[in-house]
Amino acid sequence: MVVVGGTIVTGPLDSAYSGVVAKLMPIPVVDDDTAGLVLTPTVGYTDENGAMATFTTKLATQPIANVEVSFVTSDATEGEMVSGQDLVFNMDNWNVSQTTTVRGVDDSIIDQIVFWYATVLPLSSNDEAYHGLVHTELAEFICIDNDDTNTIQMSPPNQNTSESGDPTFLYMLLNSQPD
């Protein structure tokens, strides 16, 4: 038995149904896809000597319009965005990972290990599912300090002194900001 144009067409064994009009039944399709971002990895390491780390981003679902994704640093004294901080996804590249590169920043403060984040700004798109979407998962980075000791640099005297009280000058410089 075959339905053609809403009418049942039968073969020799089921002729009782031949010519009967089939009732078309709508079958709803539930779209259970959720708009969002997929970030990997979500934890990385940088240091104050400029070590870089990367993470990738792609969309969780296919958009119907371009989606703009922008990242900013949570702490510019610890880390900065190097490249890929502004990404654009479309109907063709939505599931292709795009790379963002970050690096640690030297702050001259003895602060040991500091956590900082690549924060996602609200998304921009003409696709209602993505426009204004706030992504709460962050790319987290650990910045390892290079200011691990409290030291003072001292310049040599600019001239000799004598027992008669001739002055000389020494210049001192702290290598890091005191606590």
Foldseek 3Di string as FASTA:
>chain_A
DDADPQFDPDDPVPCVRHGPGHDDDDDDDDDPFAWDKDKPPQEEEAEQVWRKDKIWIAIRDAFQWKKWKAWAKQDPQFKGWDDDRIDIDHNVCRPPIDMTMMHTHANQAPPAKDKMWTAIAQMPIPGVSRHRDHHDRTRMYIYGYPNNDWDKDKDPWPDDADPVGDDTDMDIDTSGDDD
